[in-house]
Amino acid sequence: MRFQVGDAVRVSGSPNSQWRGSRGVIVEMIQRTIGEDDPETKEYSVRFAGEQRSWFLAEDLVKSPPDKLVRFFRSEVTERWKQLDPSGVAVLNVDRAELVMLLQEDCGFARRRAEAEVDEFFRAFYSRLQLATASQAKASPFAA
């Protein structure tokens, strides 16, 4: 199964959909077979802000990182590359390819240099994220 109920997703397919680019949470899933020789088709009901729901095929959805992680990522990117245009950073979604492209466009980096810097950045980012979540768990009164 590609997605589960409760997964945070973003609508990436459906180019003519009003929901394209929107984030939501999967609240229901159905599987159906159209014909005897056809593979099963999975459709997911996604709830958006305001309790609106719509159905999508799996290929129209991508998992979406939590908003807190996205904000942390963007702040770390801004701290690391102060020369980046804030409007470019504002649309990043914890995606390596997006960041590589932004560095190439805004900083004029060659692809190899951008990839090397992004790889180093992600190593440090995930290390800091791990430290932050570990210290948060220790501070929690519910931590074991």
Foldseek 3Di string as FASTA:
>chain_A
DQDDFFFKKAFCDDPPDPRHRFIFTFHDKDWDDPDPPGDIWIKTWTAGPPRDIDIDTPVRIDGADDPVLLVLVLVLVCVVCVQFDSVLSVPDGPDLVSQLVSCCVRVVDDSVVSNVVSVVSVVVSVVVVVVVVVVVLVPDPPRD
